[in-house]
Protein backbone atom coordinates (compact mmCIF):
# COMPACT_ATOMS: atom_id res chain seq x y z
CA MET A 1 93.76 78.51 110.68
CA TYR A 2 95.41 82.16 110.64
CA ASP A 3 93.82 85.36 111.45
CA VAL A 4 95.43 86.90 108.57
CA VAL A 5 97.33 85.83 105.87
CA ILE A 6 99.40 87.77 104.16
CA ILE A 7 101.22 86.52 100.31
CA GLY A 8 104.07 87.95 99.45
CA ALA A 9 107.49 88.58 101.32
CA GLY A 10 108.37 91.83 99.35
CA VAL A 11 109.03 95.60 101.47
CA ILE A 12 104.76 96.25 101.34
CA GLY A 13 104.51 92.30 103.05
CA THR A 14 106.66 92.16 105.48
CA ALA A 15 105.87 95.97 106.79
CA ALA A 16 102.71 95.08 106.52
CA ALA A 17 103.60 91.73 108.97
CA ARG A 18 105.29 93.73 111.25
CA GLU A 19 102.64 96.36 112.01
CA LEU A 20 100.02 93.34 112.50
CA ALA A 21 102.44 91.51 114.81
CA LYS A 22 101.88 93.77 117.42
CA TYR A 23 98.01 92.27 118.23
CA LYS A 24 97.18 89.21 119.16
CA LEU A 25 96.87 87.69 116.14
CA ASN A 26 97.56 84.05 113.78
CA ILE A 27 99.72 85.54 111.29
CA CYS A 28 101.13 83.94 107.73
CA VAL A 29 103.64 85.52 105.30
CA VAL A 30 103.45 83.44 102.39
CA GLU A 31 106.17 83.79 99.36
CA LYS A 32 106.36 82.03 96.35
CA HIS A 33 110.46 82.32 96.27
CA SER A 34 112.18 80.91 99.43
CA ASP A 35 113.69 83.97 100.35
CA VAL A 36 112.20 87.50 101.58
CA ASN A 37 113.09 90.34 98.92
CA MET A 38 112.93 88.23 95.66
CA GLY A 39 110.94 90.25 93.49
CA THR A 40 110.58 94.18 93.20
CA SER A 41 111.23 95.41 96.38
CA LYS A 42 115.42 93.64 95.53
CA ALA A 43 115.21 95.64 92.19
CA ASN A 44 115.22 99.18 92.68
CA SER A 45 116.78 102.59 92.52
CA ALA A 46 116.89 102.32 96.48
CA ILE A 47 115.76 106.34 96.60
CA ILE A 48 113.75 107.21 99.58
CA HIS A 49 111.70 109.89 97.70
CA ALA A 50 111.37 113.47 99.24
CA GLY A 51 107.76 113.55 97.66
CA PHE A 52 107.12 116.61 95.41
CA ASP A 53 106.46 114.80 92.13
CA ALA A 54 102.86 112.74 93.00
CA LYS A 55 99.81 114.04 92.50
CA VAL A 56 98.10 116.04 95.54
CA GLY A 57 95.41 114.29 96.81
CA THR A 58 96.57 111.32 95.63
CA LEU A 59 98.06 108.22 97.95
CA LYS A 60 100.83 108.19 96.53
CA ALA A 61 101.81 111.67 97.85
CA LYS A 62 99.73 111.74 101.27
CA LEU A 63 101.83 107.75 102.24
CA ASN A 64 104.88 108.54 100.42
CA VAL A 65 105.21 112.20 102.90
CA GLU A 66 104.42 109.53 105.51
CA GLY A 67 107.48 107.25 105.38
CA ASN A 68 109.22 109.53 104.57
CA LYS A 69 109.09 110.53 107.72
CA MET A 70 108.62 107.13 109.41
CA MET A 71 112.55 106.36 107.52
CA LYS A 72 114.75 107.52 109.81
CA LYS A 73 113.41 106.39 113.47
CA LEU A 74 112.71 102.81 111.61
CA SER A 75 116.53 102.86 110.26
CA GLU A 76 117.19 103.69 113.56
CA ASP A 77 114.86 100.58 116.09
CA LEU A 78 115.20 98.26 113.13
CA ASP A 79 119.05 98.64 112.29
CA PHE A 80 119.53 99.20 108.44
CA ASP A 81 120.99 101.78 106.47
CA PHE A 82 119.36 104.83 105.65
CA ASP A 83 120.83 108.46 104.90
CA GLN A 84 118.35 111.60 104.28
CA ASN A 85 122.13 112.77 101.73
CA GLY A 86 118.64 115.16 99.72
CA SER A 87 117.89 114.82 96.47
CA MET A 88 117.64 117.70 93.07
CA VAL A 89 115.64 118.10 90.00
CA LEU A 90 117.57 119.03 87.37
CA CYS A 91 115.90 121.83 84.97
CA PHE A 92 118.27 122.01 81.71
CA ASP A 93 116.02 124.92 80.11
CA ASN A 94 115.02 128.00 80.65
CA GLY A 95 111.38 127.24 79.30
CA ASP A 96 111.00 124.72 81.64
CA ILE A 97 111.49 126.32 84.69
CA ASP A 98 107.68 127.46 85.17
CA ASN A 99 107.47 123.18 85.48
CA LEU A 100 110.07 123.09 88.88
CA LYS A 101 108.31 125.46 89.74
CA LYS A 102 104.82 123.21 89.82
CA LEU A 103 106.78 120.75 90.93
CA TYR A 104 108.49 123.33 94.45
CA ASP A 105 104.48 124.49 94.92
CA GLN A 106 103.38 120.37 94.51
CA GLY A 107 105.76 119.61 97.13
CA ARG A 108 104.74 122.46 99.62
CA GLU A 109 101.08 120.86 99.34
CA ASN A 110 102.17 117.90 99.26
CA GLY A 111 104.30 118.89 102.98
CA VAL A 112 107.57 118.28 101.73
CA GLU A 113 109.50 120.65 104.40
CA ASP A 114 112.66 122.66 103.24
CA LEU A 115 112.21 122.70 99.37
CA LYS A 116 114.13 124.95 97.13
CA ILE A 117 114.99 126.40 93.71
CA LEU A 118 117.80 126.64 92.91
CA SER A 119 119.96 128.25 90.09
CA GLY A 120 122.42 126.40 87.99
CA ASP A 121 125.60 128.11 89.47
CA GLU A 122 124.09 127.71 93.06
CA ALA A 123 123.52 123.64 92.45
CA ARG A 124 127.39 123.37 91.26
CA GLU A 125 128.32 124.97 94.61
CA ILE A 126 127.11 121.79 96.21
CA GLU A 127 127.48 119.24 93.57
CA PRO A 128 130.44 120.15 91.42
CA THR A 129 130.08 117.57 88.93
CA LEU A 130 126.49 118.50 87.30
CA SER A 131 126.48 119.76 83.74
CA GLN A 132 126.83 123.22 82.93
CA GLU A 133 123.75 122.63 80.71
CA VAL A 134 121.66 122.80 84.53
CA VAL A 135 119.93 126.05 84.62
CA ALA A 136 117.80 125.79 87.58
CA VAL A 137 117.47 122.81 90.47
CA LEU A 138 114.84 121.90 92.41
CA HIS A 139 116.52 120.96 96.19
CA ALA A 140 115.15 118.45 98.35
CA PRO A 141 116.71 118.04 101.74
CA THR A 142 114.69 115.86 102.97
CA GLY A 143 115.28 113.04 99.90
CA GLY A 144 117.21 109.90 100.58
CA ILE A 145 118.77 106.52 100.40
CA VAL A 146 118.40 103.21 102.05
CA CYS A 147 119.58 99.47 101.75
CA PRO A 148 116.14 98.06 99.98
CA PHE A 149 117.54 94.27 100.84
CA GLY A 150 118.33 95.89 104.34
CA MET A 151 114.95 97.18 104.99
CA ASN A 152 113.05 94.53 104.02
CA LEU A 153 114.75 91.88 105.72
CA ALA A 154 114.91 93.66 109.59
CA PHE A 155 110.69 94.63 108.38
CA ALA A 156 110.36 90.60 107.99
CA GLU A 157 113.02 89.86 111.07
CA SER A 158 110.81 91.91 113.18
CA ALA A 159 108.04 90.62 112.22
CA PHE A 160 109.09 86.92 112.49
CA ILE A 161 110.81 87.83 115.89
CA ASN A 162 107.13 89.19 117.42
CA GLY A 163 105.39 85.55 115.99
CA VAL A 164 104.42 86.24 113.06
CA ASP A 165 104.87 82.40 110.71
CA PHE A 166 106.50 82.65 106.83
CA LYS A 167 106.04 79.88 104.67
CA PHE A 168 108.64 80.61 102.02
CA ASN A 169 108.01 77.83 98.16
CA TYR A 170 104.08 78.82 98.62
CA LYS A 171 102.80 79.96 95.31
CA VAL A 172 99.40 80.72 95.84
CA ILE A 173 97.44 79.02 92.71
CA ASP A 174 93.96 79.69 93.99
CA ILE A 175 91.70 81.20 96.18
CA LYS A 176 88.41 80.37 97.14
CA LYS A 177 86.25 81.55 100.25
CA GLU A 178 83.71 79.56 101.95
CA ASN A 179 81.38 80.92 105.12
CA ASP A 180 83.51 83.37 105.50
CA ILE A 181 86.78 81.48 105.33
CA PHE A 182 89.64 82.33 102.47
CA LEU A 183 91.05 78.81 101.20
CA LEU A 184 94.68 79.44 99.49
CA THR A 185 96.18 76.93 97.87
CA ASP A 186 99.61 75.51 95.90
CA GLY A 187 98.25 72.66 94.95
CA ASN A 188 99.62 70.56 97.47
CA GLU A 189 98.52 72.66 101.20
CA GLU A 190 95.72 74.34 102.01
CA ILE A 191 96.24 77.53 104.69
CA LYS A 192 92.59 78.90 105.44
CA ALA A 193 92.25 82.94 107.15
CA LYS A 194 89.74 84.97 107.78
CA MET A 195 91.47 87.66 106.47
CA VAL A 196 93.56 87.86 102.89
CA ILE A 197 96.49 90.72 101.99
CA ASN A 198 97.56 90.27 98.55
CA ALA A 199 101.27 92.35 98.56
CA SER A 200 102.70 89.71 95.52
CA GLY A 201 104.20 92.29 93.84
CA VAL A 202 103.54 91.92 89.99
CA TYR A 203 100.71 89.87 90.38
CA THR A 204 98.18 91.56 92.40
CA ASP A 205 95.36 91.58 89.29
CA ASP A 206 96.05 87.61 89.02
CA LEU A 207 95.40 87.05 92.33
CA SER A 208 92.53 89.04 92.80
CA ASN A 209 90.63 88.84 89.91
CA ILE A 210 90.39 85.24 91.39
CA ILE A 211 88.50 86.64 94.15
CA SER A 212 86.86 89.65 93.45
CA GLU A 213 84.10 91.23 91.01
CA LYS A 214 85.90 94.34 90.52
CA LYS A 215 88.81 93.42 87.95
CA ILE A 216 92.22 95.29 87.56
CA LYS A 217 95.06 95.78 85.56
CA VAL A 218 98.48 95.93 86.80
CA HIS A 219 101.55 95.37 84.15
CA PRO A 220 105.48 95.36 84.79
CA ARG A 221 107.27 98.34 83.36
CA LYS A 222 110.77 96.96 83.51
CA GLY A 223 113.65 99.23 84.56
CA GLU A 224 117.35 98.55 83.47
CA TYR A 225 120.60 100.06 85.60
CA LEU A 226 124.05 100.32 85.61
CA LEU A 227 125.90 100.18 88.87
CA PHE A 228 129.71 101.89 88.86
CA ASP A 229 132.31 100.73 91.50
CA LYS A 230 132.92 102.55 94.94
CA VAL A 231 135.43 104.64 93.02
CA ALA A 232 133.26 106.24 91.29
CA GLY A 233 130.73 106.27 94.33
CA ASN A 234 131.23 110.23 95.10
CA MET A 235 130.85 112.12 92.02
CA VAL A 236 127.64 113.28 93.14
CA HIS A 237 126.31 113.48 96.77
CA ASN A 238 123.02 114.19 96.24
CA THR A 239 120.59 111.79 94.33
CA ILE A 240 120.12 113.55 90.77
CA PHE A 241 117.04 113.42 89.04
CA GLN A 242 115.17 114.98 85.79
CA LEU A 243 112.54 117.12 85.22
CA PRO A 244 110.09 114.02 85.23
CA THR A 245 107.59 112.23 81.55
CA LYS A 246 104.77 110.57 81.43
CA LEU A 247 106.93 107.29 82.44
CA GLY A 248 108.51 108.10 85.07
CA LYS A 249 111.08 110.23 87.37
CA GLY A 250 113.59 109.69 84.31
CA VAL A 251 117.02 108.21 84.51
CA LEU A 252 118.69 109.52 87.72
CA VAL A 253 122.52 109.16 89.15
CA THR A 254 122.33 108.63 92.74
CA PRO A 255 125.00 107.56 95.40
CA THR A 256 124.16 103.97 97.10
CA ILE A 257 124.35 103.37 100.42
CA HIS A 258 127.08 101.26 100.52
CA GLY A 259 129.09 104.14 98.28
CA ASN A 260 128.41 102.73 94.98
CA LEU A 261 127.19 104.77 92.25
CA LEU A 262 123.65 104.28 90.47
CA VAL A 263 122.92 105.15 86.96
CA GLY A 264 119.08 104.36 85.93
CA PRO A 265 116.52 103.05 85.36
CA ASN A 266 114.46 103.52 82.14
CA ALA A 267 110.83 102.31 81.49
CA LEU A 268 109.39 99.83 79.10
CA ASP A 269 106.12 98.74 79.06
CA ILE A 270 105.78 95.03 78.86
CA GLU A 271 103.72 91.63 79.45
CA ASP A 272 106.09 89.30 80.73
CA LYS A 273 106.27 89.70 84.31
CA GLU A 274 109.41 87.31 84.74
CA ASP A 275 111.69 89.60 82.56
CA LEU A 276 114.84 90.86 83.96
CA SER A 277 116.45 90.89 81.03
CA THR A 278 118.88 93.97 79.74
CA THR A 279 119.53 94.85 76.30
CA ARG A 280 122.79 96.57 75.32
CA GLU A 281 119.89 99.51 73.60
CA GLY A 282 118.58 100.04 76.74
CA LEU A 283 121.48 100.12 78.84
CA LYS A 284 123.12 102.29 76.12
CA ASP A 285 120.04 105.00 76.49
CA ILE A 286 120.40 105.54 80.23
CA ALA A 287 124.29 106.48 80.13
CA GLU A 288 123.76 108.83 77.68
CA ARG A 289 120.77 109.81 79.12
CA ALA A 290 122.50 110.18 82.60
CA ALA A 291 125.81 112.51 81.08
CA LEU A 292 123.34 115.12 80.68
CA SER A 293 122.93 115.40 84.15
CA VAL A 294 126.67 114.46 85.79
CA LYS A 295 130.32 114.97 83.59
CA LYS A 296 132.39 112.36 82.38
CA LEU A 297 130.56 109.43 84.09
CA PRO A 298 133.27 106.20 84.37
CA MET A 299 131.95 103.91 82.70
CA ASN A 300 134.66 102.44 82.87
CA MET A 301 133.90 101.99 86.10
CA VAL A 302 130.66 100.09 85.62
CA ILE A 303 130.76 96.61 87.92
CA THR A 304 127.03 94.62 86.72
CA SER A 305 124.04 95.59 85.26
CA PHE A 306 120.49 94.41 86.48
CA SER A 307 116.23 95.41 86.15
CA GLY A 308 113.92 95.62 88.50
CA LEU A 309 110.05 95.34 87.34
CA ARG A 310 107.93 98.35 89.25
CA ALA A 311 103.84 97.30 88.94
CA VAL A 312 101.34 99.84 87.22
CA GLY A 313 98.08 99.57 88.21
CA ASN A 314 96.00 101.14 85.86
CA SER A 315 94.24 103.33 88.35
CA GLY A 316 97.42 106.26 88.72
CA ASP A 317 97.47 105.50 92.07
CA PHE A 318 97.56 102.52 94.67
CA ILE A 319 95.28 100.33 95.09
CA ILE A 320 95.36 100.29 98.64
CA GLU A 321 91.22 98.50 99.34
CA GLU A 322 89.39 96.09 100.33
CA ALA A 323 88.66 93.79 96.97
CA PRO A 324 84.97 94.64 95.72
CA GLY A 325 82.65 90.94 96.70
CA ALA A 326 85.45 90.07 98.81
CA PRO A 327 85.03 91.22 102.64
CA GLY A 328 88.31 90.34 104.39
CA PHE A 329 90.58 90.03 100.50
CA ILE A 330 92.71 93.23 100.90
CA ASN A 331 94.61 94.84 97.65
CA ALA A 332 98.00 96.54 97.75
CA ALA A 333 98.56 96.50 94.43
CA GLY A 334 100.19 99.48 91.84
CA ILE A 335 102.11 99.66 94.26
CA GLU A 336 105.14 101.30 91.69
CA SER A 337 107.36 104.32 93.06
CA PRO A 338 107.71 106.09 95.66
CA GLY A 339 106.53 101.96 97.29
CA LEU A 340 109.75 101.81 98.79
CA THR A 341 109.23 105.14 100.45
CA ALA A 342 105.52 104.72 101.40
CA SER A 343 106.13 101.04 103.01
CA PRO A 344 106.56 101.59 106.36
CA ALA A 345 102.70 103.98 105.82
CA ILE A 346 101.10 101.22 103.93
CA GLY A 347 102.05 98.93 106.51
CA LYS A 348 100.58 101.22 108.91
CA MET A 349 96.87 101.81 106.73
CA LEU A 350 96.89 98.01 105.90
CA LYS A 351 97.23 97.28 109.97
CA ASP A 352 94.09 99.37 110.29
CA MET A 353 91.79 97.99 107.80
CA VAL A 354 92.95 94.39 109.32
CA VAL A 355 92.22 95.95 112.80
CA GLU A 356 89.25 97.80 111.72
CA LYS A 357 87.77 93.92 111.02
CA LEU A 358 88.89 92.13 113.25
CA ASN A 359 89.05 94.24 116.16
CA PRO A 360 92.09 92.25 118.05
CA GLU A 361 93.76 93.14 121.58
CA ILE A 362 97.40 94.85 121.47
CA LYS A 363 100.34 92.44 122.20
CA GLU A 364 101.86 93.35 125.19
CA ASN A 365 105.34 91.64 125.02
CA TYR A 366 105.66 93.00 121.26
CA LYS A 367 109.52 93.78 120.17
CA GLU A 368 109.66 96.92 118.78
CA LYS A 369 113.79 96.67 117.64
CA ARG A 370 115.43 93.90 116.24
CA LYS A 371 119.54 94.56 115.58
CA GLY A 372 120.94 93.05 112.00
CA ILE A 373 124.52 92.02 111.47
CA LYS A 374 127.36 93.33 113.01
CA LYS A 375 129.42 95.05 110.22
CA PHE A 376 133.46 94.04 110.59
CA SER A 377 134.17 96.76 107.54
CA ALA A 378 132.65 99.34 109.22
CA LEU A 379 134.12 98.60 112.84
CA ALA A 380 137.43 100.83 114.46
CA ASN A 381 140.58 98.95 114.33
CA ASP A 382 140.60 98.31 118.08
CA GLU A 383 136.87 97.18 118.16
CA LYS A 384 138.29 94.66 115.22
CA LYS A 385 140.50 93.39 117.20
CA ARG A 386 138.36 92.60 120.30
CA VAL A 387 135.88 91.20 118.01
CA ILE A 388 138.60 89.00 116.12
CA GLU A 389 139.63 87.70 120.09
CA VAL A 390 135.65 86.73 120.74
CA ASN A 391 135.23 84.67 117.58
CA PRO A 392 138.12 84.19 115.37
CA LYS A 393 136.01 83.89 112.45
CA TYR A 394 135.63 87.11 112.17
CA GLY A 395 139.29 87.49 111.25
CA ASN A 396 138.54 85.43 108.20
CA ILE A 397 137.84 87.17 105.40
CA ILE A 398 135.42 85.50 102.65
CA CYS A 399 134.31 88.46 100.16
CA ARG A 400 137.34 90.65 99.67
CA CYS A 401 135.81 93.61 98.15
CA GLU A 402 132.95 94.05 100.44
CA MET A 403 135.71 92.85 103.40
CA VAL A 404 132.62 90.01 104.59
CA THR A 405 133.83 88.05 107.33
CA GLU A 406 133.57 84.54 107.72
CA ALA A 407 131.58 85.32 110.76
CA GLU A 408 128.92 87.76 109.64
CA ILE A 409 127.64 85.20 107.00
CA ILE A 410 127.74 82.59 110.08
CA ASP A 411 124.95 84.88 111.44
CA ALA A 412 123.36 85.41 108.13
CA ILE A 413 122.71 81.78 107.88
CA ARG A 414 121.70 80.97 111.60
CA ARG A 415 120.04 84.45 112.22
CA PRO A 416 116.29 84.80 111.93
CA LEU A 417 114.75 84.48 109.13
CA GLY A 418 118.45 83.12 108.47
CA ALA A 419 119.77 82.60 104.46
CA ARG A 420 119.61 79.84 102.45
CA THR A 421 121.02 80.19 99.32
CA LEU A 422 123.99 82.61 97.85
CA ASP A 423 121.88 85.50 97.36
CA GLY A 424 119.99 84.93 100.94
CA VAL A 425 123.51 85.46 101.66
CA LYS A 426 124.36 88.29 99.40
CA ILE A 427 121.37 90.65 100.34
CA ARG A 428 122.07 89.39 104.37
CA THR A 429 125.55 90.38 104.09
CA ARG A 430 127.41 92.02 100.60
CA ALA A 431 129.44 89.18 100.08
CA GLY A 432 129.41 88.74 96.48
CA MET A 433 128.40 92.44 95.78
CA GLY A 434 132.48 93.83 94.98
CA ARG A 435 134.51 94.60 91.68
CA CYS A 436 134.65 90.85 91.65
CA GLN A 437 130.74 90.09 91.57
CA ALA A 438 131.15 86.93 93.68
CA GLY A 439 134.55 85.62 90.97
CA PHE A 440 136.51 84.78 94.44
CA CYS A 441 134.17 84.00 97.89
CA THR A 442 131.53 82.07 95.53
CA PRO A 443 133.13 78.98 96.40
CA LYS A 444 134.14 79.83 100.02
CA LEU A 445 130.17 80.31 100.24
CA VAL A 446 128.82 77.17 98.72
CA ASP A 447 131.93 75.80 101.87
CA ILE A 448 130.05 77.74 104.56
CA LEU A 449 126.37 76.62 103.64
CA SER A 450 127.13 72.97 102.59
CA ARG A 451 128.79 73.34 106.48
CA GLU A 452 126.12 75.54 107.94
CA LEU A 453 122.89 73.70 105.88
CA ASN A 454 124.14 69.99 106.80
CA ILE A 455 123.97 69.83 103.27
CA SER A 456 125.75 68.42 100.62
CA PRO A 457 127.80 71.51 98.61
CA LEU A 458 125.67 70.16 95.09
CA GLU A 459 122.64 71.23 97.14
CA VAL A 460 123.36 74.84 97.40
CA THR A 461 121.51 77.21 94.87
CA LYS A 462 121.91 80.73 94.13
CA PHE A 463 118.24 81.21 94.51
CA GLY A 464 116.10 78.17 95.55
CA GLU A 465 114.14 75.62 93.52
CA GLU A 466 117.03 74.09 90.55
CA SER A 467 119.40 77.34 90.51
CA TYR A 468 122.40 75.17 91.66
CA ILE A 469 125.71 76.32 91.74
CA LEU A 470 127.63 72.81 90.98
CA THR A 471 126.69 70.26 88.64
CA GLY A 472 128.87 67.09 89.55
CA ILE A 473 132.42 66.29 91.06
CA ASN A 474 134.98 66.29 88.40
CA LYS A 475 138.22 65.21 90.47
CA GLU A 476 138.79 62.44 94.01
CA ASN A 477 139.23 63.37 97.48
CA ILE A 478 142.70 63.45 97.85
């Protein structure tokens, strides 16, 4: 029996778990995948939005600005990467400058600070690679970039060290309510809860509609991306947007927090909630549209492409409410952009809704801070020598592209909610995210996972389930 069960270990579910862990509550996060950060939270633009493009008076606007203002302290307390690099919205036609001014006015009304409208020439002084076609720019210094993996993991680890249970490979297939208690099942095991927070991304409607008399609709909107090598990472310093359309903010060009360049996404409404495919046409489209913003994009430096799904609701706004007809069942649905930015504020809002119902006592020994994995490549040379003397495994480079050491990988496996798969190591250390896309380090990572988890190399998977790396042994040991 739990006080609260949270469905989904993405950034919304773990942000709520961290906030609720401040109270004397028995909490469990259930996740259908083998790790946190396996859905929408792992495949997005990694942007901390300033808050100028959400309609005034919406939850999106309110929670975006609140989340933006929380980000710096959170990144310091929880030790994840964040940079307030600023953002620009480009206008290519003098006839559209009025729309840029409307965006400026909307941002001011939402509470976004330090907004300015610049001429094209003023913008090119800041960003020399901007197209000569740019005639005006909305500049938002409070925009930022973040590591979405690091932020999600930081929330989850913080919740875990403060007493929250996590149950992975648990896919909720049915929910009932009996005598004011919710009964959740994955077909094998039943979990009981006084309250439920539904933060299951593109599946929030499926679960809500089981228990609620009011049916909601969430559909996936697919966005494709191109990721460039770090050699191209300094082409822009701000996050570069184009004036938004009804389908979203359009194609952006942005540096990533780790020094790459990211281009995308497009926007394609689909029905399949598992479709993460990319297409030649889609990638060609985003490359062509990005070239309108930034001159001479080095397409020969693309190291990978990927896609992500946004959970688009039928209300036009975030749906954060108790499900009608199911008191105690709270939906966090339709959390599309700017959901990543808003996530800490959404977590607080969900916490307040639970606290109002259950009236729990505050926990005296809550641990506010969390320390991440020591990043060897970021250390000064004298510090590198010192840590190698203490732990020689820091001297063994496993991932050459990202300069990730054996010591970091072991930490990723042994730490709270540690990695159990190749992707688990990847999102915690960046091993496999570099230029060769794990071509060099995969065999070494398989060996380390096998050793640390005390399993056969044949049992090591990429992301859990049946995603085995090896299929058998074709040579005898010599």
